[in-house]
Amino acid sequence: MVALRARRRSLHWKLSLSILPSPAPQLFQTPLRTSRQSYDDLRFAYLRSPDGGYPADISVPPSRSGSGRRDPSSQAAASSGPASNGVFDPLSLEDESPWKKYYKDLEVKKEIRKDVERT
């Protein structure tokens, strides 16, 4: 009973937000596919870490970046570049470090996920 309500609620929101064009199910597939692709594009754009990888808790299709992690050889090459002063080091405490903002964003996302699961 609860699962049926959740499905109806999901369908209602999709119709209300004009994600689905009409109440005919055969017409739902194309807009849903387009909407899901847009969501995936946003997700992969905003969840990428400063080193180009993705967090372990999201699934990354192979077409995005292989395993989602950089290989050690490229990391060694990057550490000898202009960022070798520690600004791009994931353990850096510098205010300019992109990792500092990234870790702060991860904490906010964890809190949001907890709140969503509670409701």
PDB file of N, CA and C in Angstrom:
ATOM      1  N   MET A   1       0.820  -1.194   0.000  1.00  0.00           N
ATOM      2  CA  MET A   1       0.000   0.000   0.000  1.00  0.00           C
ATOM      3  C   MET A   1       0.870   1.267   0.000  1.00  0.00           C
ATOM      4  N   VAL A   2       1.915   1.240   0.825  1.00  0.00           N
ATOM      5  CA  VAL A   2       2.800   2.400   0.914  1.00  0.00           C
ATOM      6  C   VAL A   2       3.549   2.604  -0.398  1.00  0.00           C
ATOM      7  N   ALA A   3       4.005   1.502  -1.009  1.00  0.00           N
ATOM      8  CA  ALA A   3       4.731   1.601  -2.279  1.00  0.00           C
ATOM      9  C   ALA A   3       3.841   2.167  -3.374  1.00  0.00           C
ATOM     10  N   LEU A   4       2.560   1.789  -3.370  1.00  0.00           N
ATOM     11  CA  LEU A   4       1.625   2.306  -4.362  1.00  0.00           C
ATOM     12  C   LEU A   4       1.431   3.812  -4.188  1.00  0.00           C
ATOM     13  N   ARG A   5       1.328   4.248  -2.937  1.00  0.00           N
ATOM     14  CA  ARG A   5       1.195   5.689  -2.666  1.00  0.00           C
ATOM     15  C   ARG A   5       2.428   6.450  -3.139  1.00  0.00           C
ATOM     16  N   ALA A   6       3.600   5.868  -2.888  1.00  0.00           N
ATOM     17  CA  ALA A   6       4.844   6.527  -3.301  1.00  0.00           C
ATOM     18  C   ALA A   6       4.901   6.647  -4.819  1.00  0.00           C
ATOM     19  N   ARG A   7       4.479   5.605  -5.529  1.00  0.00           N
ATOM     20  CA  ARG A   7       4.468   5.673  -6.992  1.00  0.00           C
ATOM     21  C   ARG A   7       3.499   6.732  -7.488  1.00  0.00           C
ATOM     22  N   ARG A   8       2.319   6.782  -6.860  1.00  0.00           N
ATOM     23  CA  ARG A   8       1.343   7.789  -7.279  1.00  0.00           C
ATOM     24  C   ARG A   8       1.848   9.196  -6.967  1.00  0.00           C
ATOM     25  N   ARG A   9       2.488   9.354  -5.832  1.00  0.00           N
ATOM     26  CA  ARG A   9       3.024  10.661  -5.456  1.00  0.00           C
ATOM     27  C   ARG A   9       4.094  11.090  -6.452  1.00  0.00           C
ATOM     28  N   SER A  10       4.963  10.150  -6.819  1.00  0.00           N
ATOM     29  CA  SER A  10       6.009  10.437  -7.797  1.00  0.00           C
ATOM     30  C   SER A  10       5.406  10.847  -9.126  1.00  0.00           C
ATOM     31  N   LEU A  11       4.400  10.117  -9.571  1.00  0.00           N
ATOM     32  CA  LEU A  11       3.735  10.433 -10.833  1.00  0.00           C
ATOM     33  C   LEU A  11       3.052  11.800 -10.761  1.00  0.00           C
ATOM     34  N   HIS A  12       2.406  12.076  -9.640  1.00  0.00           N
ATOM     35  CA  HIS A  12       1.736  13.364  -9.470  1.00  0.00           C
ATOM     36  C   HIS A  12       2.735  14.522  -9.581  1.00  0.00           C
ATOM     37  N   TRP A  13       3.892  14.397  -8.907  1.00  0.00           N
ATOM     38  CA  TRP A  13       4.884  15.467  -8.961  1.00  0.00           C
ATOM     39  C   TRP A  13       5.448  15.642 -10.363  1.00  0.00           C
ATOM     40  N   LYS A  14       5.680  14.546 -11.054  1.00  0.00           N
ATOM     41  CA  LYS A  14       6.203  14.641 -12.418  1.00  0.00           C
ATOM     42  C   LYS A  14       5.212  15.335 -13.343  1.00  0.00           C
ATOM     43  N   LEU A  15       3.925  15.050 -13.159  1.00  0.00           N
ATOM     44  CA  LEU A  15       2.907  15.722 -13.967  1.00  0.00           C
ATOM     45  C   LEU A  15       2.793  17.195 -13.575  1.00  0.00           C
ATOM     46  N   SER A  16       2.850  17.478 -12.282  1.00  0.00           N
ATOM     47  CA  SER A  16       2.721  18.853 -11.798  1.00  0.00           C
ATOM     48  C   SER A  16       3.886  19.732 -12.227  1.00  0.00           C
ATOM     49  N   LEU A  17       5.061  19.155 -12.283  1.00  0.00           N
ATOM     50  CA  LEU A  17       6.255  19.920 -12.649  1.00  0.00           C
ATOM     51  C   LEU A  17       6.507  19.923 -14.151  1.00  0.00           C
ATOM     52  N   SER A  18       5.572  19.399 -14.910  1.00  0.00           N
ATOM     53  CA  SER A  18       5.635  19.344 -16.376  1.00  0.00           C
ATOM     54  C   SER A  18       6.830  18.542 -16.887  1.00  0.00           C
ATOM     55  N   ILE A  19       7.275  17.576 -16.113  1.00  0.00           N
ATOM     56  CA  ILE A  19       8.307  16.673 -16.593  1.00  0.00           C
ATOM     57  C   ILE A  19       7.673  15.681 -17.557  1.00  0.00           C
ATOM     58  N   LEU A  20       6.457  15.276 -17.245  1.00  0.00           N
ATOM     59  CA  LEU A  20       5.710  14.374 -18.113  1.00  0.00           C
ATOM     60  C   LEU A  20       4.655  15.173 -18.866  1.00  0.00           C
ATOM     61  N   PRO A  21       4.532  14.980 -20.177  1.00  0.00           N
ATOM     62  CA  PRO A  21       3.647  15.816 -20.981  1.00  0.00           C
ATOM     63  C   PRO A  21       2.166  15.528 -20.816  1.00  0.00           C
ATOM     64  N   SER A  22       1.788  14.281 -20.612  1.00  0.00           N
ATOM     65  CA  SER A  22       0.378  13.946 -20.505  1.00  0.00           C
ATOM     66  C   SER A  22       0.237  12.677 -19.686  1.00  0.00           C
ATOM     67  N   PRO A  23      -0.998  12.309 -19.321  1.00  0.00           N
ATOM     68  CA  PRO A  23      -1.188  11.107 -18.522  1.00  0.00           C
ATOM     69  C   PRO A  23      -0.999   9.787 -19.275  1.00  0.00           C
ATOM     70  N   ALA A  24      -0.605   9.793 -20.528  1.00  0.00           N
ATOM     71  CA  ALA A  24      -0.413   8.549 -21.285  1.00  0.00           C
ATOM     72  C   ALA A  24       0.980   7.982 -21.009  1.00  0.00           C
ATOM     73  N   PRO A  25       1.084   6.786 -20.392  1.00  0.00           N
ATOM     74  CA  PRO A  25       2.394   6.226 -20.019  1.00  0.00           C
ATOM     75  C   PRO A  25       3.375   6.041 -21.174  1.00  0.00           C
ATOM     76  N   GLN A  26       2.899   5.715 -22.365  1.00  0.00           N
ATOM     77  CA  GLN A  26       3.823   5.500 -23.481  1.00  0.00           C
ATOM     78  C   GLN A  26       4.535   6.793 -23.879  1.00  0.00           C
ATOM     79  N   LEU A  27       3.985   7.940 -23.509  1.00  0.00           N
ATOM     80  CA  LEU A  27       4.631   9.209 -23.826  1.00  0.00           C
ATOM     81  C   LEU A  27       5.630   9.652 -22.756  1.00  0.00           C
ATOM     82  N   PHE A  28       5.715   8.904 -21.650  1.00  0.00           N
ATOM     83  CA  PHE A  28       6.588   9.285 -20.534  1.00  0.00           C
ATOM     84  C   PHE A  28       8.054   9.004 -20.804  1.00  0.00           C
ATOM     85  N   GLN A  29       8.349   8.024 -21.612  1.00  0.00           N
ATOM     86  CA  GLN A  29       9.725   7.544 -21.722  1.00  0.00           C
ATOM     87  C   GLN A  29      10.720   8.590 -22.208  1.00  0.00           C
ATOM     88  N   THR A  30      10.416   9.314 -23.274  1.00  0.00           N
ATOM     89  CA  THR A  30      11.366  10.294 -23.811  1.00  0.00           C
ATOM     90  C   THR A  30      11.617  11.451 -22.841  1.00  0.00           C
ATOM     91  N   PRO A  31      10.575  12.094 -22.285  1.00  0.00           N
ATOM     92  CA  PRO A  31      10.849  13.183 -21.329  1.00  0.00           C
ATOM     93  C   PRO A  31      11.576  12.700 -20.078  1.00  0.00           C
ATOM     94  N   LEU A  32      11.242  11.504 -19.602  1.00  0.00           N
ATOM     95  CA  LEU A  32      11.939  10.983 -18.429  1.00  0.00           C
ATOM     96  C   LEU A  32      13.407  10.713 -18.738  1.00  0.00           C
ATOM     97  N   ARG A  33      13.687  10.146 -19.877  1.00  0.00           N
ATOM     98  CA  ARG A  33      15.072   9.870 -20.276  1.00  0.00           C
ATOM     99  C   ARG A  33      15.863  11.175 -20.372  1.00  0.00           C
ATOM    100  N   THR A  34      15.254  12.191 -20.990  1.00  0.00           N
ATOM    101  CA  THR A  34      15.908  13.493 -21.120  1.00  0.00           C
ATOM    102  C   THR A  34      16.149  14.126 -19.757  1.00  0.00           C
ATOM    103  N   SER A  35      15.141  14.054 -18.894  1.00  0.00           N
ATOM    104  CA  SER A  35      15.262  14.624 -17.557  1.00  0.00           C
ATOM    105  C   SER A  35      16.340  13.904 -16.747  1.00  0.00           C
ATOM    106  N   ARG A  36      16.384  12.590 -16.834  1.00  0.00           N
ATOM    107  CA  ARG A  36      17.401  11.827 -16.105  1.00  0.00           C
ATOM    108  C   ARG A  36      18.805  12.125 -16.620  1.00  0.00           C
ATOM    109  N   GLN A  37      18.933  12.305 -17.926  1.00  0.00           N
ATOM    110  CA  GLN A  37      20.243  12.634 -18.493  1.00  0.00           C
ATOM    111  C   GLN A  37      20.706  14.015 -18.017  1.00  0.00           C
ATOM    112  N   SER A  38      19.773  14.969 -17.960  1.00  0.00           N
ATOM    113  CA  SER A  38      20.105  16.312 -17.459  1.00  0.00           C
ATOM    114  C   SER A  38      20.548  16.245 -16.007  1.00  0.00           C
ATOM    115  N   TYR A  39      19.835  15.447 -15.218  1.00  0.00           N
ATOM    116  CA  TYR A  39      20.188  15.280 -13.812  1.00  0.00           C
ATOM    117  C   TYR A  39      21.578  14.650 -13.674  1.00  0.00           C
ATOM    118  N   ASP A  40      21.841  13.613 -14.458  1.00  0.00           N
ATOM    119  CA  ASP A  40      23.162  12.981 -14.416  1.00  0.00           C
ATOM    120  C   ASP A  40      24.262  13.963 -14.798  1.00  0.00           C
ATOM    121  N   ASP A  41      24.019  14.781 -15.818  1.00  0.00           N
ATOM    122  CA  ASP A  41      25.012  15.772 -16.232  1.00  0.00           C
ATOM    123  C   ASP A  41      25.313  16.753 -15.103  1.00  0.00           C
ATOM    124  N   LEU A  42      24.273  17.233 -14.432  1.00  0.00           N
ATOM    125  CA  LEU A  42      24.472  18.148 -13.298  1.00  0.00           C
ATOM    126  C   LEU A  42      25.197  17.452 -12.155  1.00  0.00           C
ATOM    127  N   ARG A  43      24.785  16.233 -11.874  1.00  0.00           N
ATOM    128  CA  ARG A  43      25.377  15.483 -10.781  1.00  0.00           C
ATOM    129  C   ARG A  43      26.875  15.268 -11.002  1.00  0.00           C
ATOM    130  N   PHE A  44      27.245  14.872 -12.207  1.00  0.00           N
ATOM    131  CA  PHE A  44      28.655  14.632 -12.483  1.00  0.00           C
ATOM    132  C   PHE A  44      29.450  15.927 -12.546  1.00  0.00           C
ATOM    133  N   ALA A  45      28.818  17.016 -12.929  1.00  0.00           N
ATOM    134  CA  ALA A  45      29.522  18.303 -12.973  1.00  0.00           C
ATOM    135  C   ALA A  45      29.799  18.828 -11.568  1.00  0.00           C
ATOM    136  N   TYR A  46      28.849  18.658 -10.644  1.00  0.00           N
ATOM    137  CA  TYR A  46      28.993  19.262  -9.325  1.00  0.00           C
ATOM    138  C   TYR A  46      29.564  18.337  -8.266  1.00  0.00           C
ATOM    139  N   LEU A  47      29.618  17.036  -8.513  1.00  0.00           N
ATOM    140  CA  LEU A  47      30.155  16.114  -7.524  1.00  0.00           C
ATOM    141  C   LEU A  47      31.613  15.766  -7.775  1.00  0.00           C
ATOM    142  N   ARG A  48      32.193  16.321  -8.810  1.00  0.00           N
ATOM    143  CA  ARG A  48      33.589  16.030  -9.147  1.00  0.00           C
ATOM    144  C   ARG A  48      34.516  16.699  -8.133  1.00  0.00           C
ATOM    145  N   SER A  49      35.496  15.944  -7.678  1.00  0.00           N
ATOM    146  CA  SER A  49      36.466  16.483  -6.718  1.00  0.00           C
ATOM    147  C   SER A  49      37.523  17.301  -7.453  1.00  0.00           C
ATOM    148  N   PRO A  50      38.305  18.091  -6.738  1.00  0.00           N
ATOM    149  CA  PRO A  50      39.332  18.908  -7.388  1.00  0.00           C
ATOM    150  C   PRO A  50      40.379  18.112  -8.163  1.00  0.00           C
ATOM    151  N   ASP A  51      40.568  16.835  -7.848  1.00  0.00           N
ATOM    152  CA  ASP A  51      41.543  16.042  -8.604  1.00  0.00           C
ATOM    153  C   ASP A  51      40.922  15.378  -9.829  1.00  0.00           C
ATOM    154  N   GLY A  52      39.633  15.620 -10.073  1.00  0.00           N
ATOM    155  CA  GLY A  52      38.971  15.074 -11.248  1.00  0.00           C
ATOM    156  C   GLY A  52      38.229  13.778 -10.996  1.00  0.00           C
ATOM    157  N   GLY A  53      38.325  13.221  -9.802  1.00  0.00           N
ATOM    158  CA  GLY A  53      37.634  11.981  -9.465  1.00  0.00           C
ATOM    159  C   GLY A  53      36.251  12.252  -8.897  1.00  0.00           C
ATOM    160  N   TYR A  54      35.602  11.197  -8.474  1.00  0.00           N
ATOM    161  CA  TYR A  54      34.271  11.292  -7.874  1.00  0.00           C
ATOM    162  C   TYR A  54      34.298  10.619  -6.508  1.00  0.00           C
ATOM    163  N   PRO A  55      33.401  11.024  -5.613  1.00  0.00           N
ATOM    164  CA  PRO A  55      33.330  10.356  -4.309  1.00  0.00           C
ATOM    165  C   PRO A  55      32.980   8.883  -4.473  1.00  0.00           C
ATOM    166  N   ALA A  56      33.357   8.078  -3.505  1.00  0.00           N
ATOM    167  CA  ALA A  56      33.128   6.639  -3.590  1.00  0.00           C
ATOM    168  C   ALA A  56      31.651   6.278  -3.500  1.00  0.00           C
ATOM    169  N   ASP A  57      30.815   7.156  -2.945  1.00  0.00           N
ATOM    170  CA  ASP A  57      29.413   6.807  -2.739  1.00  0.00           C
ATOM    171  C   ASP A  57      28.512   7.096  -3.936  1.00  0.00           C
ATOM    172  N   ILE A  58      29.067   7.534  -5.066  1.00  0.00           N
ATOM    173  CA  ILE A  58      28.226   7.704  -6.255  1.00  0.00           C
ATOM    174  C   ILE A  58      28.730   6.785  -7.350  1.00  0.00           C
ATOM    175  N   SER A  59      27.807   6.325  -8.169  1.00  0.00           N
ATOM    176  CA  SER A  59      28.197   5.458  -9.271  1.00  0.00           C
ATOM    177  C   SER A  59      28.517   6.319 -10.485  1.00  0.00           C
ATOM    178  N   VAL A  60      29.623   6.022 -11.115  1.00  0.00           N
ATOM    179  CA  VAL A  60      30.070   6.764 -12.285  1.00  0.00           C
ATOM    180  C   VAL A  60      30.116   5.810 -13.464  1.00  0.00           C
ATOM    181  N   PRO A  61      29.342   6.078 -14.511  1.00  0.00           N
ATOM    182  CA  PRO A  61      29.414   5.194 -15.671  1.00  0.00           C
ATOM    183  C   PRO A  61      30.795   5.250 -16.316  1.00  0.00           C
ATOM    184  N   PRO A  62      31.213   4.174 -16.957  1.00  0.00           N
ATOM    185  CA  PRO A  62      32.557   4.127 -17.559  1.00  0.00           C
ATOM    186  C   PRO A  62      32.802   5.238 -18.571  1.00  0.00           C
ATOM    187  N   SER A  63      31.762   5.743 -19.209  1.00  0.00           N
ATOM    188  CA  SER A  63      31.945   6.785 -20.212  1.00  0.00           C
ATOM    189  C   SER A  63      32.356   8.118 -19.599  1.00  0.00           C
ATOM    190  N   ARG A  64      32.179   8.281 -18.286  1.00  0.00           N
ATOM    191  CA  ARG A  64      32.503   9.558 -17.642  1.00  0.00           C
ATOM    192  C   ARG A  64      33.992   9.716 -17.377  1.00  0.00           C
ATOM    193  N   SER A  65      34.580   8.781 -16.658  1.00  0.00           N
ATOM    194  CA  SER A  65      36.016   8.943 -16.372  1.00  0.00           C
ATOM    195  C   SER A  65      36.672   7.644 -15.962  1.00  0.00           C
ATOM    196  N   GLY A  66      36.346   6.575 -16.582  1.00  0.00           N
ATOM    197  CA  GLY A  66      36.961   5.296 -16.211  1.00  0.00           C
ATOM    198  C   GLY A  66      36.530   4.912 -14.822  1.00  0.00           C
ATOM    199  N   SER A  67      37.471   4.807 -13.902  1.00  0.00           N
ATOM    200  CA  SER A  67      37.145   4.421 -12.535  1.00  0.00           C
ATOM    201  C   SER A  67      36.743   5.602 -11.682  1.00  0.00           C
ATOM    202  N   GLY A  68      36.883   6.819 -12.202  1.00  0.00           N
ATOM    203  CA  GLY A  68      36.539   7.990 -11.413  1.00  0.00           C
ATOM    204  C   GLY A  68      37.691   8.495 -10.562  1.00  0.00           C
ATOM    205  N   ARG A  69      38.795   7.798 -10.586  1.00  0.00           N
ATOM    206  CA  ARG A  69      39.968   8.187  -9.795  1.00  0.00           C
ATOM    207  C   ARG A  69      41.140   8.436 -10.725  1.00  0.00           C
ATOM    208  N   ARG A  70      42.045   9.292 -10.288  1.00  0.00           N
ATOM    209  CA  ARG A  70      43.252   9.536 -11.077  1.00  0.00           C
ATOM    210  C   ARG A  70      44.257   8.446 -10.796  1.00  0.00           C
ATOM    211  N   ASP A  71      45.099   8.163 -11.761  1.00  0.00           N
ATOM    212  CA  ASP A  71      46.147   7.171 -11.518  1.00  0.00           C
ATOM    213  C   ASP A  71      47.320   7.830 -10.811  1.00  0.00           C
ATOM    214  N   PRO A  72      48.110   7.050 -10.068  1.00  0.00           N
ATOM    215  CA  PRO A  72      49.205   7.621  -9.274  1.00  0.00           C
ATOM    216  C   PRO A  72      50.243   8.364 -10.104  1.00  0.00           C
ATOM    217  N   SER A  73      50.473   7.932 -11.342  1.00  0.00           N
ATOM    218  CA  SER A  73      51.493   8.603 -12.153  1.00  0.00           C
ATOM    219  C   SER A  73      51.077  10.029 -12.491  1.00  0.00           C
ATOM    220  N   SER A  74      49.789  10.246 -12.779  1.00  0.00           N
ATOM    221  CA  SER A  74      49.343  11.611 -13.069  1.00  0.00           C
ATOM    222  C   SER A  74      49.327  12.450 -11.803  1.00  0.00           C
ATOM    223  N   GLN A  75      49.107  11.803 -10.660  1.00  0.00           N
ATOM    224  CA  GLN A  75      49.124  12.529  -9.399  1.00  0.00           C
ATOM    225  C   GLN A  75      50.542  12.973  -9.067  1.00  0.00           C
ATOM    226  N   ALA A  76      51.519  12.134  -9.344  1.00  0.00           N
ATOM    227  CA  ALA A  76      52.910  12.499  -9.094  1.00  0.00           C
ATOM    228  C   ALA A  76      53.326  13.633 -10.008  1.00  0.00           C
ATOM    229  N   ALA A  77      52.867  13.594 -11.259  1.00  0.00           N
ATOM    230  CA  ALA A  77      53.206  14.661 -12.194  1.00  0.00           C
ATOM    231  C   ALA A  77      52.554  15.968 -11.759  1.00  0.00           C
ATOM    232  N   ALA A  78      51.353  15.879 -11.238  1.00  0.00           N
ATOM    233  CA  ALA A  78      50.654  17.094 -10.813  1.00  0.00           C
ATOM    234  C   ALA A  78      51.315  17.701  -9.573  1.00  0.00           C
ATOM    235  N   SER A  79      51.905  16.849  -8.709  1.00  0.00           N
ATOM    236  CA  SER A  79      52.494  17.387  -7.487  1.00  0.00           C
ATOM    237  C   SER A  79      53.788  18.146  -7.757  1.00  0.00           C
ATOM    238  N   SER A  80      54.387  17.960  -8.920  1.00  0.00           N
ATOM    239  CA  SER A  80      55.605  18.693  -9.221  1.00  0.00           C
ATOM    240  C   SER A  80      55.317  19.977  -9.993  1.00  0.00           C
ATOM    241  N   GLY A  81      54.059  20.247 -10.284  1.00  0.00           N
ATOM    242  CA  GLY A  81      53.671  21.423 -11.051  1.00  0.00           C
ATOM    243  C   GLY A  81      53.538  22.657 -10.187  1.00  0.00           C
ATOM    244  N   PRO A  82      52.784  23.664 -10.682  1.00  0.00           N
ATOM    245  CA  PRO A  82      52.647  24.916  -9.968  1.00  0.00           C
ATOM    246  C   PRO A  82      51.904  24.802  -8.653  1.00  0.00           C
ATOM    247  N   ALA A  83      51.152  23.733  -8.466  1.00  0.00           N
ATOM    248  CA  ALA A  83      50.393  23.590  -7.224  1.00  0.00           C
ATOM    249  C   ALA A  83      51.200  22.876  -6.149  1.00  0.00           C
ATOM    250  N   SER A  84      52.499  22.691  -6.355  1.00  0.00           N
ATOM    251  CA  SER A  84      53.311  21.951  -5.399  1.00  0.00           C
ATOM    252  C   SER A  84      53.525  22.715  -4.099  1.00  0.00           C
ATOM    253  N   ASN A  85      53.070  23.960  -4.015  1.00  0.00           N
ATOM    254  CA  ASN A  85      53.205  24.730  -2.776  1.00  0.00           C
ATOM    255  C   ASN A  85      52.202  24.288  -1.712  1.00  0.00           C
ATOM    256  N   GLY A  86      51.367  23.278  -1.994  1.00  0.00           N
ATOM    257  CA  GLY A  86      50.456  22.747  -0.985  1.00  0.00           C
ATOM    258  C   GLY A  86      49.029  23.214  -1.136  1.00  0.00           C
ATOM    259  N   VAL A  87      48.766  24.141  -2.040  1.00  0.00           N
ATOM    260  CA  VAL A  87      47.414  24.669  -2.179  1.00  0.00           C
ATOM    261  C   VAL A  87      46.459  23.589  -2.678  1.00  0.00           C
ATOM    262  N   PHE A  88      46.909  22.717  -3.590  1.00  0.00           N
ATOM    263  CA  PHE A  88      46.030  21.699  -4.135  1.00  0.00           C
ATOM    264  C   PHE A  88      46.205  20.346  -3.456  1.00  0.00           C
ATOM    265  N   ASP A  89      46.904  20.320  -2.364  1.00  0.00           N
ATOM    266  CA  ASP A  89      47.051  19.097  -1.592  1.00  0.00           C
ATOM    267  C   ASP A  89      45.745  18.832  -0.835  1.00  0.00           C
ATOM    268  N   PRO A  90      45.188  17.615  -0.922  1.00  0.00           N
ATOM    269  CA  PRO A  90      43.936  17.325  -0.231  1.00  0.00           C
ATOM    270  C   PRO A  90      43.998  17.505   1.284  1.00  0.00           C
ATOM    271  N   LEU A  91      45.184  17.455   1.860  1.00  0.00           N
ATOM    272  CA  LEU A  91      45.328  17.633   3.298  1.00  0.00           C
ATOM    273  C   LEU A  91      45.709  19.061   3.685  1.00  0.00           C
ATOM    274  N   SER A  92      45.773  19.936   2.705  1.00  0.00           N
ATOM    275  CA  SER A  92      46.167  21.313   2.957  1.00  0.00           C
ATOM    276  C   SER A  92      45.119  22.046   3.781  1.00  0.00           C
ATOM    277  N   LEU A  93      45.585  22.905   4.656  1.00  0.00           N
ATOM    278  CA  LEU A  93      44.677  23.723   5.462  1.00  0.00           C
ATOM    279  C   LEU A  93      44.591  25.151   4.947  1.00  0.00           C
ATOM    280  N   GLU A  94      45.198  25.408   3.790  1.00  0.00           N
ATOM    281  CA  GLU A  94      45.174  26.737   3.196  1.00  0.00           C
ATOM    282  C   GLU A  94      43.741  27.142   2.850  1.00  0.00           C
ATOM    283  N   ASP A  95      43.411  28.417   3.019  1.00  0.00           N
ATOM    284  CA  ASP A  95      42.073  28.901   2.685  1.00  0.00           C
ATOM    285  C   ASP A  95      41.792  28.860   1.196  1.00  0.00           C
ATOM    286  N   GLU A  96      42.838  28.979   0.351  1.00  0.00           N
ATOM    287  CA  GLU A  96      42.652  28.984  -1.100  1.00  0.00           C
ATOM    288  C   GLU A  96      42.494  27.578  -1.670  1.00  0.00           C
ATOM    289  N   SER A  97      42.690  26.559  -0.864  1.00  0.00           N
ATOM    290  CA  SER A  97      42.655  25.184  -1.358  1.00  0.00           C
ATOM    291  C   SER A  97      41.241  24.817  -1.829  1.00  0.00           C
ATOM    292  N   PRO A  98      41.108  24.320  -3.061  1.00  0.00           N
ATOM    293  CA  PRO A  98      39.787  23.886  -3.517  1.00  0.00           C
ATOM    294  C   PRO A  98      39.285  22.682  -2.725  1.00  0.00           C
ATOM    295  N   TRP A  99      40.196  21.956  -2.110  1.00  0.00           N
ATOM    296  CA  TRP A  99      39.788  20.795  -1.314  1.00  0.00           C
ATOM    297  C   TRP A  99      39.028  21.215  -0.065  1.00  0.00           C
ATOM    298  N   LYS A 100      39.379  22.355   0.498  1.00  0.00           N
ATOM    299  CA  LYS A 100      38.698  22.814   1.711  1.00  0.00           C
ATOM    300  C   LYS A 100      37.215  23.025   1.424  1.00  0.00           C
ATOM    301  N   LYS A 101      36.905  23.687   0.312  1.00  0.00           N
ATOM    302  CA  LYS A 101      35.508  23.891  -0.078  1.00  0.00           C
ATOM    303  C   LYS A 101      34.843  22.563  -0.419  1.00  0.00           C
ATOM    304  N   TYR A 102      35.566  21.690  -1.087  1.00  0.00           N
ATOM    305  CA  TYR A 102      35.024  20.389  -1.471  1.00  0.00           C
ATOM    306  C   TYR A 102      34.616  19.583  -0.234  1.00  0.00           C
ATOM    307  N   TYR A 103      35.484  19.532   0.773  1.00  0.00           N
ATOM    308  CA  TYR A 103      35.164  18.779   1.988  1.00  0.00           C
ATOM    309  C   TYR A 103      34.005  19.417   2.745  1.00  0.00           C
ATOM    310  N   LYS A 104      33.936  20.735   2.751  1.00  0.00           N
ATOM    311  CA  LYS A 104      32.820  21.419   3.394  1.00  0.00           C
ATOM    312  C   LYS A 104      31.512  21.070   2.673  1.00  0.00           C
ATOM    313  N   ASP A 105      31.547  21.050   1.341  1.00  0.00           N
ATOM    314  CA  ASP A 105      30.365  20.682   0.551  1.00  0.00           C
ATOM    315  C   ASP A 105      29.935  19.244   0.833  1.00  0.00           C
ATOM    316  N   LEU A 106      30.902  18.338   0.993  1.00  0.00           N
ATOM    317  CA  LEU A 106      30.564  16.955   1.308  1.00  0.00           C
ATOM    318  C   LEU A 106      29.838  16.843   2.643  1.00  0.00           C
ATOM    319  N   GLU A 107      30.271  17.622   3.624  1.00  0.00           N
ATOM    320  CA  GLU A 107      29.607  17.604   4.929  1.00  0.00           C
ATOM    321  C   GLU A 107      28.169  18.106   4.818  1.00  0.00           C
ATOM    322  N   VAL A 108      27.963  19.167   4.048  1.00  0.00           N
ATOM    323  CA  VAL A 108      26.608  19.689   3.841  1.00  0.00           C
ATOM    324  C   VAL A 108      25.741  18.647   3.142  1.00  0.00           C
ATOM    325  N   LYS A 109      26.296  17.976   2.150  1.00  0.00           N
ATOM    326  CA  LYS A 109      25.541  16.935   1.425  1.00  0.00           C
ATOM    327  C   LYS A 109      25.164  15.780   2.344  1.00  0.00           C
ATOM    328  N   LYS A 110      26.059  15.416   3.270  1.00  0.00           N
ATOM    329  CA  LYS A 110      25.738  14.355   4.228  1.00  0.00           C
ATOM    330  C   LYS A 110      24.565  14.760   5.109  1.00  0.00           C
ATOM    331  N   GLU A 111      24.571  16.000   5.571  1.00  0.00           N
ATOM    332  CA  GLU A 111      23.473  16.488   6.409  1.00  0.00           C
ATOM    333  C   GLU A 111      22.156  16.501   5.624  1.00  0.00           C
ATOM    334  N   ILE A 112      22.202  16.944   4.383  1.00  0.00           N
ATOM    335  CA  ILE A 112      21.005  16.963   3.560  1.00  0.00           C
ATOM    336  C   ILE A 112      20.483  15.547   3.360  1.00  0.00           C
ATOM    337  N   ARG A 113      21.381  14.609   3.088  1.00  0.00           N
ATOM    338  CA  ARG A 113      20.976  13.216   2.891  1.00  0.00           C
ATOM    339  C   ARG A 113      20.312  12.662   4.134  1.00  0.00           C
ATOM    340  N   LYS A 114      20.870  12.976   5.322  1.00  0.00           N
ATOM    341  CA  LYS A 114      20.252  12.531   6.573  1.00  0.00           C
ATOM    342  C   LYS A 114      18.851  13.098   6.724  1.00  0.00           C
ATOM    343  N   ASP A 115      18.692  14.387   6.444  1.00  0.00           N
ATOM    344  CA  ASP A 115      17.380  15.024   6.576  1.00  0.00           C
ATOM    345  C   ASP A 115      16.379  14.431   5.597  1.00  0.00           C
ATOM    346  N   VAL A 116      16.808  14.141   4.383  1.00  0.00           N
ATOM    347  CA  VAL A 116      15.900  13.564   3.392  1.00  0.00           C
ATOM    348  C   VAL A 116      15.472  12.167   3.824  1.00  0.00           C
ATOM    349  N   GLU A 117      16.400  11.387   4.356  1.00  0.00           N
ATOM    350  CA  GLU A 117      16.058  10.036   4.793  1.00  0.00           C
ATOM    351  C   GLU A 117      15.101  10.042   5.980  1.00  0.00           C
ATOM    352  N   ARG A 118      15.174  11.056   6.828  1.00  0.00           N
ATOM    353  CA  ARG A 118      14.273  11.147   7.975  1.00  0.00           C
ATOM    354  C   ARG A 118      12.844  11.488   7.608  1.00  0.00           C
ATOM    355  N   THR A 119      12.666  12.142   6.445  1.00  0.00           N
ATOM    356  CA  THR A 119      11.307  12.558   6.096  1.00  0.00           C
ATOM    357  C   THR A 119      10.573  11.510   5.307  1.00  0.00           C
TER     358      THR A 119
END
